[in-house]
Structures are given as structure tokens and as C-alpha cells.
Amino acid sequence: MPDFRVIEKNNLDIILPLLQMINPQTELSVVAERLEAIKSTDYQCLGVFDGDRLIGICGFWILIKIYVGKHIEPDNVVILPEYRGQGIGEQIMAWIFEYGRLHGCIASELNVYVQNSPGVKFWMNQGYDIIGFHMQKNLSTFEVLP
């Protein structure tokens, strides 16, 4: 039975290999730099351990938005391939939902890439509904008009 526990912020660097797995297009140094910046926010990370081995993670935030109220947002969810299909993802989400309820959350929201068909299927099986589109604009190429 895996052990679920929140990873202390001063130990978050242990999640870097798993973050790299789901962000292979981003240099590890950039992932590490972003993780370092995230440490100063309200971000938390649930670690799933098999003994001393980190086998899965689920970052999460508690947020308040006008349209939904107080909610918990899972982020960067990954389980090592050899541990997938064993119900660990469902256990992670049960932990997240209970944590959210205990902290006054009335909903859970997340983002999933449209090309991630297995992820979309997993989230829908967890009871999530598609309610909109996540959109992004690259501001490094933004030009201010005169």
C-alpha cells in the first residue's frame, strides 16, 4: 500500500524527475528554476511513496475565483509508468478531494492538454466536466502598439 504525504517545501526538489517526465520539452534547469519560484507561493505537493521511492506526485493549490468560489486545483499529476493501472490515481484524487473539503473547498478544477486523451479520459472518470478552454498568449512576443 503506497504512503501518501505532503512533501515539505524544503524537500520539493525530489519531484524534479517526475516533473521532467511530464515536461520533456522543457530543460531540467528551467523546470528547477520554476519549481524554486513556486516554493514561495501557496503551492503544495502530495507525494506517493513506495517505501522510500517517490512513485507519484500531485501538486495542488487552493484558490478562490468569482465564478466557482473556493476550490482545489490539482496540477502536475504523474505516476511512474510501472505503477500505473493500480488505482493510485484514484487514491490521489480521493486524498485531494478530502483535503479540499476539509479546507472549505466547494469544487475542484484543473487543466489538461487537449492532446492528452488518456488524461482527459482519467479526469472525466473522476467526475470532471469540460466547461471551457484553457487559453494562453506568449507575452515575450507581444508588441505594444504606438
N, C-alpha and C. Protein backbone atom coordinates (compact mmCIF):
# COMPACT_ATOMS: atom_id res chain seq x y z
N MET A 1 0.84 -1.19 0.00
CA MET A 1 0.00 0.00 0.00
C MET A 1 0.89 1.25 0.00
N PRO A 2 0.72 2.12 -0.97
CA PRO A 2 1.54 3.33 -1.03
C PRO A 2 1.25 4.26 0.15
N ASP A 3 2.23 5.08 0.46
CA ASP A 3 2.14 6.07 1.52
C ASP A 3 1.93 7.44 0.87
N PHE A 4 0.91 8.18 1.32
CA PHE A 4 0.59 9.49 0.78
C PHE A 4 0.94 10.55 1.83
N ARG A 5 1.77 11.53 1.42
CA ARG A 5 2.08 12.61 2.35
C ARG A 5 2.49 13.86 1.58
N VAL A 6 2.19 15.00 2.19
CA VAL A 6 2.58 16.28 1.60
C VAL A 6 4.10 16.42 1.75
N ILE A 7 4.73 16.79 0.66
CA ILE A 7 6.18 16.97 0.65
C ILE A 7 6.49 18.38 1.16
N GLU A 8 7.38 18.44 2.13
CA GLU A 8 7.79 19.74 2.69
C GLU A 8 8.43 20.60 1.60
N LYS A 9 8.18 21.91 1.67
CA LYS A 9 8.71 22.81 0.64
C LYS A 9 10.23 22.72 0.52
N ASN A 10 10.92 22.53 1.64
CA ASN A 10 12.38 22.47 1.57
C ASN A 10 12.88 21.16 0.96
N ASN A 11 11.96 20.24 0.65
CA ASN A 11 12.32 18.95 0.05
C ASN A 11 11.69 18.77 -1.34
N LEU A 12 11.09 19.84 -1.87
CA LEU A 12 10.37 19.73 -3.15
C LEU A 12 11.24 19.32 -4.33
N ASP A 13 12.54 19.53 -4.22
CA ASP A 13 13.41 19.17 -5.35
C ASP A 13 13.33 17.68 -5.69
N ILE A 14 12.84 16.85 -4.77
CA ILE A 14 12.73 15.41 -5.09
C ILE A 14 11.70 15.14 -6.19
N ILE A 15 10.84 16.13 -6.48
CA ILE A 15 9.82 15.91 -7.52
C ILE A 15 10.33 16.24 -8.92
N LEU A 16 11.54 16.81 -9.03
CA LEU A 16 12.07 17.22 -10.34
C LEU A 16 12.07 16.11 -11.39
N PRO A 17 12.52 14.88 -11.08
CA PRO A 17 12.48 13.84 -12.13
C PRO A 17 11.07 13.56 -12.65
N LEU A 18 10.08 13.60 -11.77
CA LEU A 18 8.71 13.35 -12.22
C LEU A 18 8.18 14.54 -13.02
N LEU A 19 8.53 15.76 -12.60
CA LEU A 19 8.14 16.94 -13.38
C LEU A 19 8.76 16.90 -14.76
N GLN A 20 10.01 16.44 -14.85
CA GLN A 20 10.68 16.34 -16.15
C GLN A 20 9.98 15.33 -17.05
N MET A 21 9.43 14.26 -16.46
CA MET A 21 8.72 13.26 -17.26
C MET A 21 7.53 13.86 -18.00
N ILE A 22 6.82 14.79 -17.35
CA ILE A 22 5.62 15.35 -17.98
C ILE A 22 5.90 16.67 -18.68
N ASN A 23 7.16 17.13 -18.62
CA ASN A 23 7.57 18.35 -19.32
C ASN A 23 8.88 18.09 -20.08
N PRO A 24 8.91 17.06 -20.93
CA PRO A 24 10.18 16.70 -21.58
C PRO A 24 10.69 17.77 -22.54
N GLN A 25 9.82 18.65 -22.99
CA GLN A 25 10.23 19.69 -23.92
C GLN A 25 10.92 20.86 -23.22
N THR A 26 10.89 20.87 -21.88
CA THR A 26 11.47 21.96 -21.11
C THR A 26 12.76 21.49 -20.44
N GLU A 27 13.82 22.25 -20.59
CA GLU A 27 15.11 21.91 -19.99
C GLU A 27 14.94 21.73 -18.48
N LEU A 28 15.64 20.74 -17.92
CA LEU A 28 15.55 20.47 -16.49
C LEU A 28 15.92 21.70 -15.67
N SER A 29 16.89 22.47 -16.12
CA SER A 29 17.29 23.68 -15.38
C SER A 29 16.13 24.69 -15.31
N VAL A 30 15.34 24.77 -16.37
CA VAL A 30 14.19 25.67 -16.39
C VAL A 30 13.10 25.14 -15.44
N VAL A 31 12.86 23.84 -15.48
CA VAL A 31 11.88 23.23 -14.57
C VAL A 31 12.31 23.50 -13.13
N ALA A 32 13.59 23.32 -12.83
CA ALA A 32 14.11 23.55 -11.47
C ALA A 32 13.96 25.01 -11.07
N GLU A 33 14.23 25.92 -11.98
CA GLU A 33 14.10 27.35 -11.70
C GLU A 33 12.64 27.70 -11.40
N ARG A 34 11.72 27.16 -12.18
CA ARG A 34 10.30 27.43 -11.96
C ARG A 34 9.83 26.82 -10.64
N LEU A 35 10.29 25.62 -10.33
CA LEU A 35 9.93 24.99 -9.06
C LEU A 35 10.43 25.83 -7.89
N GLU A 36 11.64 26.35 -8.02
CA GLU A 36 12.19 27.21 -6.96
C GLU A 36 11.29 28.43 -6.75
N ALA A 37 10.82 29.04 -7.82
CA ALA A 37 9.93 30.20 -7.72
C ALA A 37 8.58 29.82 -7.10
N ILE A 38 8.10 28.63 -7.44
CA ILE A 38 6.80 28.16 -6.92
C ILE A 38 6.86 27.96 -5.41
N LYS A 39 8.03 27.66 -4.88
CA LYS A 39 8.16 27.41 -3.44
C LYS A 39 7.71 28.61 -2.60
N SER A 40 7.74 29.81 -3.16
CA SER A 40 7.34 31.00 -2.40
C SER A 40 5.83 31.27 -2.50
N THR A 41 5.10 30.37 -3.15
CA THR A 41 3.65 30.54 -3.30
C THR A 41 2.91 29.57 -2.37
N ASP A 42 1.61 29.48 -2.55
CA ASP A 42 0.78 28.56 -1.76
C ASP A 42 0.76 27.15 -2.33
N TYR A 43 1.57 26.88 -3.32
CA TYR A 43 1.65 25.55 -3.93
C TYR A 43 2.05 24.50 -2.90
N GLN A 44 1.40 23.36 -2.97
CA GLN A 44 1.76 22.21 -2.16
C GLN A 44 1.86 21.00 -3.09
N CYS A 45 2.50 19.95 -2.62
CA CYS A 45 2.64 18.77 -3.45
C CYS A 45 2.45 17.51 -2.61
N LEU A 46 1.52 16.68 -3.05
CA LEU A 46 1.30 15.38 -2.44
C LEU A 46 2.27 14.40 -3.08
N GLY A 47 3.01 13.69 -2.26
CA GLY A 47 3.91 12.66 -2.75
C GLY A 47 3.33 11.29 -2.46
N VAL A 48 3.50 10.39 -3.40
CA VAL A 48 3.09 8.99 -3.21
C VAL A 48 4.38 8.18 -3.17
N PHE A 49 4.56 7.44 -2.08
CA PHE A 49 5.80 6.71 -1.86
C PHE A 49 5.55 5.21 -1.75
N ASP A 50 6.45 4.45 -2.35
CA ASP A 50 6.52 3.00 -2.15
C ASP A 50 7.80 2.79 -1.36
N GLY A 51 7.68 2.67 -0.05
CA GLY A 51 8.87 2.68 0.81
C GLY A 51 9.48 4.07 0.75
N ASP A 52 10.74 4.16 0.39
CA ASP A 52 11.42 5.45 0.25
C ASP A 52 11.35 6.00 -1.17
N ARG A 53 10.79 5.23 -2.10
CA ARG A 53 10.78 5.63 -3.51
C ARG A 53 9.55 6.49 -3.82
N LEU A 54 9.81 7.68 -4.39
CA LEU A 54 8.74 8.55 -4.83
C LEU A 54 8.20 8.01 -6.15
N ILE A 55 6.93 7.58 -6.15
CA ILE A 55 6.35 6.95 -7.34
C ILE A 55 5.27 7.79 -8.01
N GLY A 56 4.85 8.86 -7.34
CA GLY A 56 3.83 9.71 -7.93
C GLY A 56 3.75 11.04 -7.20
N ILE A 57 3.23 12.03 -7.91
CA ILE A 57 3.04 13.36 -7.32
C ILE A 57 1.74 13.97 -7.81
N CYS A 58 1.26 14.89 -7.02
CA CYS A 58 0.12 15.72 -7.41
C CYS A 58 0.29 17.06 -6.72
N GLY A 59 0.70 18.06 -7.48
CA GLY A 59 0.75 19.40 -6.93
C GLY A 59 -0.68 19.89 -6.77
N PHE A 60 -0.88 20.84 -5.87
CA PHE A 60 -2.22 21.39 -5.72
C PHE A 60 -2.18 22.78 -5.11
N TRP A 61 -3.23 23.51 -5.41
CA TRP A 61 -3.41 24.88 -4.95
C TRP A 61 -4.84 25.00 -4.43
N ILE A 62 -5.04 25.83 -3.46
CA ILE A 62 -6.40 26.22 -3.07
C ILE A 62 -6.56 27.67 -3.51
N LEU A 63 -7.60 27.89 -4.31
CA LEU A 63 -7.82 29.19 -4.94
C LEU A 63 -9.27 29.65 -4.72
N ILE A 64 -9.49 30.92 -4.96
CA ILE A 64 -10.86 31.45 -4.97
C ILE A 64 -11.02 32.21 -6.27
N LYS A 65 -12.05 31.84 -7.03
CA LYS A 65 -12.38 32.56 -8.26
C LYS A 65 -13.85 32.97 -8.17
N ILE A 66 -14.18 34.07 -8.78
CA ILE A 66 -15.54 34.61 -8.70
C ILE A 66 -16.58 33.58 -9.17
N TYR A 67 -16.35 32.93 -10.31
CA TYR A 67 -17.37 32.07 -10.88
C TYR A 67 -17.55 30.74 -10.16
N VAL A 68 -16.58 30.31 -9.35
CA VAL A 68 -16.69 28.99 -8.71
C VAL A 68 -16.55 29.05 -7.20
N GLY A 69 -15.91 30.07 -6.67
CA GLY A 69 -15.67 30.15 -5.24
C GLY A 69 -14.38 29.43 -4.87
N LYS A 70 -14.31 28.99 -3.61
CA LYS A 70 -13.10 28.35 -3.11
C LYS A 70 -13.01 26.93 -3.66
N HIS A 71 -11.87 26.62 -4.27
CA HIS A 71 -11.71 25.31 -4.91
C HIS A 71 -10.26 24.85 -4.83
N ILE A 72 -10.08 23.57 -5.03
CA ILE A 72 -8.74 22.97 -5.05
C ILE A 72 -8.40 22.62 -6.49
N GLU A 73 -7.17 22.92 -6.88
CA GLU A 73 -6.75 22.65 -8.26
C GLU A 73 -5.55 21.72 -8.28
N PRO A 74 -5.76 20.46 -8.66
CA PRO A 74 -4.61 19.56 -8.85
C PRO A 74 -3.79 20.03 -10.05
N ASP A 75 -2.48 19.81 -9.98
CA ASP A 75 -1.57 20.30 -11.01
C ASP A 75 -0.36 19.36 -11.07
N ASN A 76 0.13 19.09 -12.25
CA ASN A 76 1.32 18.24 -12.41
C ASN A 76 1.13 16.89 -11.74
N VAL A 77 0.15 16.16 -12.20
CA VAL A 77 -0.12 14.82 -11.67
C VAL A 77 0.61 13.81 -12.53
N VAL A 78 1.44 13.00 -11.89
CA VAL A 78 2.17 11.97 -12.63
C VAL A 78 2.46 10.79 -11.71
N ILE A 79 2.37 9.61 -12.28
CA ILE A 79 2.69 8.36 -11.59
C ILE A 79 3.69 7.63 -12.47
N LEU A 80 4.72 7.07 -11.86
CA LEU A 80 5.69 6.31 -12.65
C LEU A 80 4.98 5.24 -13.47
N PRO A 81 5.40 5.03 -14.72
CA PRO A 81 4.70 4.09 -15.61
C PRO A 81 4.48 2.70 -15.02
N GLU A 82 5.46 2.18 -14.29
CA GLU A 82 5.31 0.82 -13.76
C GLU A 82 4.31 0.73 -12.61
N TYR A 83 3.82 1.87 -12.13
CA TYR A 83 2.82 1.88 -11.05
C TYR A 83 1.43 2.27 -11.55
N ARG A 84 1.32 2.57 -12.83
CA ARG A 84 0.02 2.96 -13.38
C ARG A 84 -0.90 1.75 -13.49
N GLY A 85 -2.19 2.00 -13.50
CA GLY A 85 -3.18 0.94 -13.62
C GLY A 85 -3.43 0.17 -12.33
N GLN A 86 -2.94 0.71 -11.21
CA GLN A 86 -3.11 0.05 -9.92
C GLN A 86 -4.05 0.82 -9.00
N GLY A 87 -4.74 1.83 -9.53
CA GLY A 87 -5.68 2.60 -8.73
C GLY A 87 -5.05 3.74 -7.94
N ILE A 88 -3.77 3.99 -8.17
CA ILE A 88 -3.09 5.05 -7.41
C ILE A 88 -3.64 6.43 -7.78
N GLY A 89 -3.94 6.64 -9.05
CA GLY A 89 -4.51 7.92 -9.47
C GLY A 89 -5.81 8.22 -8.76
N GLU A 90 -6.67 7.20 -8.65
CA GLU A 90 -7.94 7.37 -7.95
C GLU A 90 -7.71 7.66 -6.47
N GLN A 91 -6.70 7.01 -5.88
CA GLN A 91 -6.38 7.26 -4.47
C GLN A 91 -5.85 8.68 -4.27
N ILE A 92 -5.04 9.14 -5.21
CA ILE A 92 -4.55 10.52 -5.14
C ILE A 92 -5.73 11.48 -5.15
N MET A 93 -6.66 11.25 -6.08
CA MET A 93 -7.77 12.18 -6.19
C MET A 93 -8.69 12.11 -4.97
N ALA A 94 -8.88 10.94 -4.40
CA ALA A 94 -9.67 10.84 -3.16
C ALA A 94 -9.01 11.67 -2.06
N TRP A 95 -7.67 11.60 -1.97
CA TRP A 95 -6.94 12.38 -0.98
C TRP A 95 -7.13 13.87 -1.24
N ILE A 96 -6.98 14.29 -2.50
CA ILE A 96 -7.13 15.71 -2.89
C ILE A 96 -8.53 16.21 -2.58
N PHE A 97 -9.55 15.43 -2.95
CA PHE A 97 -10.93 15.86 -2.70
C PHE A 97 -11.20 16.01 -1.21
N GLU A 98 -10.72 15.07 -0.41
CA GLU A 98 -10.93 15.15 1.04
C GLU A 98 -10.18 16.34 1.63
N TYR A 99 -8.96 16.56 1.19
CA TYR A 99 -8.18 17.71 1.65
C TYR A 99 -8.94 19.00 1.31
N GLY A 100 -9.44 19.09 0.09
CA GLY A 100 -10.19 20.27 -0.32
C GLY A 100 -11.43 20.48 0.55
N ARG A 101 -12.18 19.41 0.77
CA ARG A 101 -13.38 19.52 1.62
C ARG A 101 -13.01 19.99 3.03
N LEU A 102 -11.94 19.43 3.59
CA LEU A 102 -11.52 19.80 4.95
C LEU A 102 -11.07 21.26 5.03
N HIS A 103 -10.68 21.83 3.88
CA HIS A 103 -10.23 23.22 3.85
C HIS A 103 -11.28 24.15 3.24
N GLY A 104 -12.53 23.72 3.21
CA GLY A 104 -13.63 24.58 2.80
C GLY A 104 -13.84 24.74 1.32
N CYS A 105 -13.23 23.89 0.51
CA CYS A 105 -13.41 23.99 -0.94
C CYS A 105 -14.76 23.41 -1.33
N ILE A 106 -15.38 24.04 -2.32
CA ILE A 106 -16.69 23.57 -2.80
C ILE A 106 -16.59 22.91 -4.17
N ALA A 107 -15.39 22.93 -4.75
CA ALA A 107 -15.21 22.34 -6.08
C ALA A 107 -13.73 22.02 -6.30
N SER A 108 -13.46 21.34 -7.39
CA SER A 108 -12.10 21.10 -7.86
C SER A 108 -12.07 21.40 -9.34
N GLU A 109 -11.03 22.09 -9.77
CA GLU A 109 -10.85 22.41 -11.18
C GLU A 109 -9.42 22.08 -11.57
N LEU A 110 -9.20 21.85 -12.86
CA LEU A 110 -7.85 21.57 -13.34
C LEU A 110 -7.76 21.86 -14.82
N ASN A 111 -6.53 21.82 -15.31
CA ASN A 111 -6.25 21.96 -16.73
C ASN A 111 -5.68 20.64 -17.22
N VAL A 112 -6.04 20.28 -18.44
CA VAL A 112 -5.49 19.09 -19.08
C VAL A 112 -5.28 19.42 -20.55
N TYR A 113 -4.15 19.00 -21.10
CA TYR A 113 -3.88 19.27 -22.51
C TYR A 113 -4.86 18.50 -23.39
N VAL A 114 -5.36 19.17 -24.42
CA VAL A 114 -6.36 18.55 -25.29
C VAL A 114 -5.81 17.32 -26.00
N GLN A 115 -4.50 17.28 -26.27
CA GLN A 115 -3.92 16.13 -26.96
C GLN A 115 -3.65 14.96 -26.01
N ASN A 116 -3.88 15.15 -24.71
CA ASN A 116 -3.65 14.11 -23.71
C ASN A 116 -4.94 13.30 -23.52
N SER A 117 -5.26 12.47 -24.51
CA SER A 117 -6.50 11.69 -24.46
C SER A 117 -6.61 10.81 -23.23
N PRO A 118 -5.54 10.09 -22.82
CA PRO A 118 -5.67 9.29 -21.59
C PRO A 118 -5.96 10.17 -20.36
N GLY A 119 -5.35 11.36 -20.32
CA GLY A 119 -5.60 12.28 -19.21
C GLY A 119 -7.02 12.77 -19.19
N VAL A 120 -7.54 13.15 -20.37
CA VAL A 120 -8.93 13.61 -20.46
C VAL A 120 -9.86 12.50 -19.99
N LYS A 121 -9.61 11.28 -20.42
CA LYS A 121 -10.45 10.15 -20.01
C LYS A 121 -10.37 9.94 -18.50
N PHE A 122 -9.15 9.99 -17.94
CA PHE A 122 -8.99 9.81 -16.49
C PHE A 122 -9.79 10.87 -15.73
N TRP A 123 -9.64 12.15 -16.13
CA TRP A 123 -10.33 13.21 -15.40
C TRP A 123 -11.83 13.10 -15.53
N MET A 124 -12.32 12.72 -16.68
CA MET A 124 -13.76 12.55 -16.83
C MET A 124 -14.25 11.38 -15.96
N ASN A 125 -13.44 10.32 -15.85
CA ASN A 125 -13.79 9.21 -14.96
C ASN A 125 -13.79 9.62 -13.50
N GLN A 126 -13.07 10.69 -13.18
CA GLN A 126 -13.05 11.21 -11.81
C GLN A 126 -14.20 12.18 -11.55
N GLY A 127 -15.05 12.38 -12.55
CA GLY A 127 -16.24 13.23 -12.37
C GLY A 127 -16.09 14.66 -12.83
N TYR A 128 -14.98 15.00 -13.49
CA TYR A 128 -14.80 16.35 -14.00
C TYR A 128 -15.59 16.52 -15.30
N ASP A 129 -16.11 17.72 -15.50
CA ASP A 129 -16.78 18.09 -16.74
C ASP A 129 -15.94 19.12 -17.48
N ILE A 130 -15.98 19.09 -18.79
CA ILE A 130 -15.32 20.10 -19.59
C ILE A 130 -16.24 21.32 -19.61
N ILE A 131 -15.74 22.45 -19.08
CA ILE A 131 -16.59 23.64 -19.01
C ILE A 131 -16.05 24.81 -19.82
N GLY A 132 -14.87 24.67 -20.39
CA GLY A 132 -14.31 25.78 -21.14
C GLY A 132 -13.00 25.39 -21.79
N PHE A 133 -12.28 26.40 -22.24
CA PHE A 133 -10.98 26.21 -22.86
C PHE A 133 -9.93 26.93 -22.04
N HIS A 134 -8.79 26.31 -21.87
CA HIS A 134 -7.64 26.98 -21.25
C HIS A 134 -6.89 27.62 -22.40
N MET A 135 -6.69 28.92 -22.31
CA MET A 135 -6.04 29.64 -23.40
C MET A 135 -4.78 30.32 -22.88
N GLN A 136 -3.83 30.57 -23.79
CA GLN A 136 -2.55 31.13 -23.40
C GLN A 136 -2.06 32.06 -24.49
N LYS A 137 -1.41 33.13 -24.09
CA LYS A 137 -0.77 34.04 -25.02
C LYS A 137 0.68 34.22 -24.59
N ASN A 138 1.61 34.11 -25.52
CA ASN A 138 3.03 34.29 -25.25
C ASN A 138 3.33 35.79 -25.21
N LEU A 139 3.64 36.31 -24.02
CA LEU A 139 3.89 37.75 -23.88
C LEU A 139 5.30 38.15 -24.28
N SER A 140 6.20 37.19 -24.48
CA SER A 140 7.55 37.56 -24.89
C SER A 140 7.57 38.07 -26.34
N THR A 141 6.53 37.77 -27.10
CA THR A 141 6.46 38.26 -28.48
C THR A 141 5.44 39.38 -28.63
N PHE A 142 4.87 39.82 -27.51
CA PHE A 142 3.86 40.87 -27.52
C PHE A 142 4.48 42.21 -27.85
N GLU A 143 3.90 42.91 -28.81
CA GLU A 143 4.39 44.25 -29.16
C GLU A 143 3.32 45.26 -28.84
N VAL A 144 3.74 46.31 -28.14
CA VAL A 144 2.81 47.39 -27.78
C VAL A 144 2.64 48.27 -29.02
N LEU A 145 1.40 48.56 -29.34
CA LEU A 145 1.12 49.42 -30.48
C LEU A 145 1.42 50.87 -30.13
N PRO A 146 1.89 51.65 -31.10
CA PRO A 146 2.20 53.08 -30.83
C PRO A 146 0.95 53.88 -30.52
